[in-house]
């Protein structure tokens, strides 16, 4: 009789309740506002470390970096989307048989 191994629980799943969302809401204090950022536990911990001793200068620099990453992500996402569309259009064009018109057949 063979025994089966049970998969080991991952460290991130150990504290998560069943059915609970994995992403965690983080509030980043910027001036007089708190900006909510939803992230995985790993990213959440990094955000906590970055915002722990945040001065106004570091806050502005942090926002500049986050905006640059966001804009680059938008550009990359758009580039990927348009690339996929162009690829699918070319596949569709190859699938449709097209013959240039020629001289019609002679009638007898």
C-alpha atoms as a PDB file:
ATOM      1  CA  UNK A   1       0.000   0.000   0.000  1.00  0.00           C
ATOM      2  CA  UNK A   2       1.533   3.239  -1.153  1.00  0.00           C
ATOM      3  CA  UNK A   3       1.328   6.410   0.830  1.00  0.00           C
ATOM      4  CA  UNK A   4       0.760   9.702  -0.888  1.00  0.00           C
ATOM      5  CA  UNK A   5       2.580  12.862  -0.033  1.00  0.00           C
ATOM      6  CA  UNK A   6       0.580  15.912   0.818  1.00  0.00           C
ATOM      7  CA  UNK A   7       1.879  19.135  -0.703  1.00  0.00           C
ATOM      8  CA  UNK A   8       3.580  21.393   1.804  1.00  0.00           C
ATOM      9  CA  UNK A   9       1.868  24.689   2.557  1.00  0.00           C
ATOM     10  CA  UNK A  10       3.651  27.753   1.320  1.00  0.00           C
ATOM     11  CA  UNK A  11       4.605  30.423   3.816  1.00  0.00           C
ATOM     12  CA  UNK A  12       2.408  33.034   2.129  1.00  0.00           C
ATOM     13  CA  UNK A  13      -0.649  30.764   2.217  1.00  0.00           C
ATOM     14  CA  UNK A  14      -0.186  29.867   5.890  1.00  0.00           C
ATOM     15  CA  UNK A  15      -1.671  33.127   7.204  1.00  0.00           C
ATOM     16  CA  UNK A  16      -4.325  33.519   4.498  1.00  0.00           C
ATOM     17  CA  UNK A  17      -7.795  32.271   5.304  1.00  0.00           C
ATOM     18  CA  UNK A  18      -9.526  30.085   2.771  1.00  0.00           C
ATOM     19  CA  UNK A  19     -11.479  32.267   0.381  1.00  0.00           C
ATOM     20  CA  UNK A  20      -9.731  35.453   1.516  1.00  0.00           C
ATOM     21  CA  UNK A  21      -8.122  37.598  -1.182  1.00  0.00           C
ATOM     22  CA  UNK A  22      -4.374  37.249  -1.528  1.00  0.00           C
ATOM     23  CA  UNK A  23      -3.784  40.918  -2.289  1.00  0.00           C
ATOM     24  CA  UNK A  24      -3.532  43.248   0.678  1.00  0.00           C
ATOM     25  CA  UNK A  25      -4.609  46.883   0.876  1.00  0.00           C
ATOM     26  CA  UNK A  26      -1.769  49.240   1.799  1.00  0.00           C
ATOM     27  CA  UNK A  27      -2.354  52.894   2.614  1.00  0.00           C
ATOM     28  CA  UNK A  28       0.566  55.098   1.596  1.00  0.00           C
ATOM     29  CA  UNK A  29       0.510  58.493   3.328  1.00  0.00           C
ATOM     30  CA  UNK A  30       1.190  61.289   0.838  1.00  0.00           C
ATOM     31  CA  UNK A  31       0.727  64.751   2.308  1.00  0.00           C
ATOM     32  CA  UNK A  32      -2.800  64.954   3.697  1.00  0.00           C
ATOM     33  CA  UNK A  33      -4.087  61.938   1.725  1.00  0.00           C
ATOM     34  CA  UNK A  34      -3.703  58.193   2.021  1.00  0.00           C
ATOM     35  CA  UNK A  35      -3.375  56.414  -1.303  1.00  0.00           C
ATOM     36  CA  UNK A  36      -4.619  52.803  -1.333  1.00  0.00           C
ATOM     37  CA  UNK A  37      -2.338  50.328  -3.108  1.00  0.00           C
ATOM     38  CA  UNK A  38      -3.364  46.690  -3.470  1.00  0.00           C
ATOM     39  CA  UNK A  39      -0.402  44.325  -3.576  1.00  0.00           C
ATOM     40  CA  UNK A  40       0.730  40.816  -2.759  1.00  0.00           C
ATOM     41  CA  UNK A  41       2.144  40.194   0.722  1.00  0.00           C
ATOM     42  CA  UNK A  42       5.713  40.348  -0.569  1.00  0.00           C
ATOM     43  CA  UNK A  43       5.216  43.720  -2.295  1.00  0.00           C
ATOM     44  CA  UNK A  44       3.190  44.896   0.683  1.00  0.00           C
ATOM     45  CA  UNK A  45       6.103  44.236   3.030  1.00  0.00           C
ATOM     46  CA  UNK A  46       8.463  46.119   0.698  1.00  0.00           C
ATOM     47  CA  UNK A  47       6.069  49.084   0.615  1.00  0.00           C
ATOM     48  CA  UNK A  48       5.924  49.078   4.408  1.00  0.00           C
ATOM     49  CA  UNK A  49       9.723  49.178   4.606  1.00  0.00           C
ATOM     50  CA  UNK A  50       9.954  51.985   2.045  1.00  0.00           C
ATOM     51  CA  UNK A  51       7.308  54.152   3.661  1.00  0.00           C
ATOM     52  CA  UNK A  52       8.452  53.579   7.258  1.00  0.00           C
ATOM     53  CA  UNK A  53      10.670  56.669   7.637  1.00  0.00           C
ATOM     54  CA  UNK A  54       9.421  58.664   4.661  1.00  0.00           C
ATOM     55  CA  UNK A  55      10.200  62.376   4.613  1.00  0.00           C
ATOM     56  CA  UNK A  56       8.663  64.804   2.135  1.00  0.00           C
ATOM     57  CA  UNK A  57      11.752  64.565  -0.088  1.00  0.00           C
ATOM     58  CA  UNK A  58      11.717  60.771  -0.092  1.00  0.00           C
ATOM     59  CA  UNK A  59       7.951  60.788  -0.671  1.00  0.00           C
ATOM     60  CA  UNK A  60       8.308  62.936  -3.783  1.00  0.00           C
ATOM     61  CA  UNK A  61      11.134  60.762  -5.114  1.00  0.00           C
ATOM     62  CA  UNK A  62       9.092  57.628  -4.390  1.00  0.00           C
ATOM     63  CA  UNK A  63       6.091  59.044  -6.285  1.00  0.00           C
ATOM     64  CA  UNK A  64       8.308  59.944  -9.252  1.00  0.00           C
ATOM     65  CA  UNK A  65       9.661  56.407  -9.425  1.00  0.00           C
ATOM     66  CA  UNK A  66       6.191  54.857  -9.105  1.00  0.00           C
ATOM     67  CA  UNK A  67       4.804  57.149 -11.842  1.00  0.00           C
ATOM     68  CA  UNK A  68       7.699  56.265 -14.158  1.00  0.00           C
ATOM     69  CA  UNK A  69       7.150  52.548 -13.578  1.00  0.00           C
ATOM     70  CA  UNK A  70       3.395  52.942 -14.154  1.00  0.00           C
ATOM     71  CA  UNK A  71       3.863  54.874 -17.406  1.00  0.00           C
ATOM     72  CA  UNK A  72       6.411  52.359 -18.683  1.00  0.00           C
ATOM     73  CA  UNK A  73       4.004  49.545 -17.832  1.00  0.00           C
ATOM     74  CA  UNK A  74       1.274  51.269 -19.809  1.00  0.00           C
ATOM     75  CA  UNK A  75       3.587  51.651 -22.806  1.00  0.00           C
ATOM     76  CA  UNK A  76       4.729  48.034 -22.627  1.00  0.00           C
ATOM     77  CA  UNK A  77       1.146  46.820 -22.241  1.00  0.00           C
ATOM     78  CA  UNK A  78      -0.004  48.847 -25.236  1.00  0.00           C
ATOM     79  CA  UNK A  79       2.966  47.638 -27.289  1.00  0.00           C
ATOM     80  CA  UNK A  80       2.175  44.018 -26.433  1.00  0.00           C
ATOM     81  CA  UNK A  81      -1.525  44.484 -27.204  1.00  0.00           C
ATOM     82  CA  UNK A  82      -0.882  46.076 -30.597  1.00  0.00           C
ATOM     83  CA  UNK A  83       1.763  43.459 -31.407  1.00  0.00           C
ATOM     84  CA  UNK A  84      -0.717  40.655 -30.695  1.00  0.00           C
ATOM     85  CA  UNK A  85      -3.387  42.362 -32.812  1.00  0.00           C
ATOM     86  CA  UNK A  86      -1.002  42.776 -35.738  1.00  0.00           C
ATOM     87  CA  UNK A  87       0.059  39.127 -35.463  1.00  0.00           C
ATOM     88  CA  UNK A  88      -3.575  37.932 -35.472  1.00  0.00           C
ATOM     89  CA  UNK A  89      -4.424  40.176 -38.441  1.00  0.00           C
ATOM     90  CA  UNK A  90      -1.537  38.689 -40.434  1.00  0.00           C
ATOM     91  CA  UNK A  91      -2.701  35.161 -39.546  1.00  0.00           C
ATOM     92  CA  UNK A  92      -6.229  36.024 -40.681  1.00  0.00           C
ATOM     93  CA  UNK A  93      -4.916  37.464 -43.964  1.00  0.00           C
ATOM     94  CA  UNK A  94      -2.956  34.261 -44.630  1.00  0.00           C
ATOM     95  CA  UNK A  95      -6.034  32.164 -43.905  1.00  0.00           C
ATOM     96  CA  UNK A  96      -8.132  33.972 -46.541  1.00  0.00           C
ATOM     97  CA  UNK A  97      -7.164  32.804 -50.032  1.00  0.00           C
ATOM     98  CA  UNK A  98      -6.727  35.774 -52.310  1.00  0.00           C
ATOM     99  CA  UNK A  99      -5.990  35.658 -56.009  1.00  0.00           C
ATOM    100  CA  UNK A 100      -5.424  38.689 -58.122  1.00  0.00           C
ATOM    101  CA  UNK A 101      -8.048  39.129 -60.810  1.00  0.00           C
ATOM    102  CA  UNK A 102      -6.929  38.061 -64.249  1.00  0.00           C
ATOM    103  CA  UNK A 103      -8.397  37.803 -67.661  1.00  0.00           C
ATOM    104  CA  UNK A 104     -11.792  36.085 -67.587  1.00  0.00           C
ATOM    105  CA  UNK A 105     -12.190  32.705 -69.232  1.00  0.00           C
ATOM    106  CA  UNK A 106     -13.233  32.836 -72.853  1.00  0.00           C
ATOM    107  CA  UNK A 107     -16.849  31.930 -73.586  1.00  0.00           C
ATOM    108  CA  UNK A 108     -17.430  29.410 -76.379  1.00  0.00           C
END
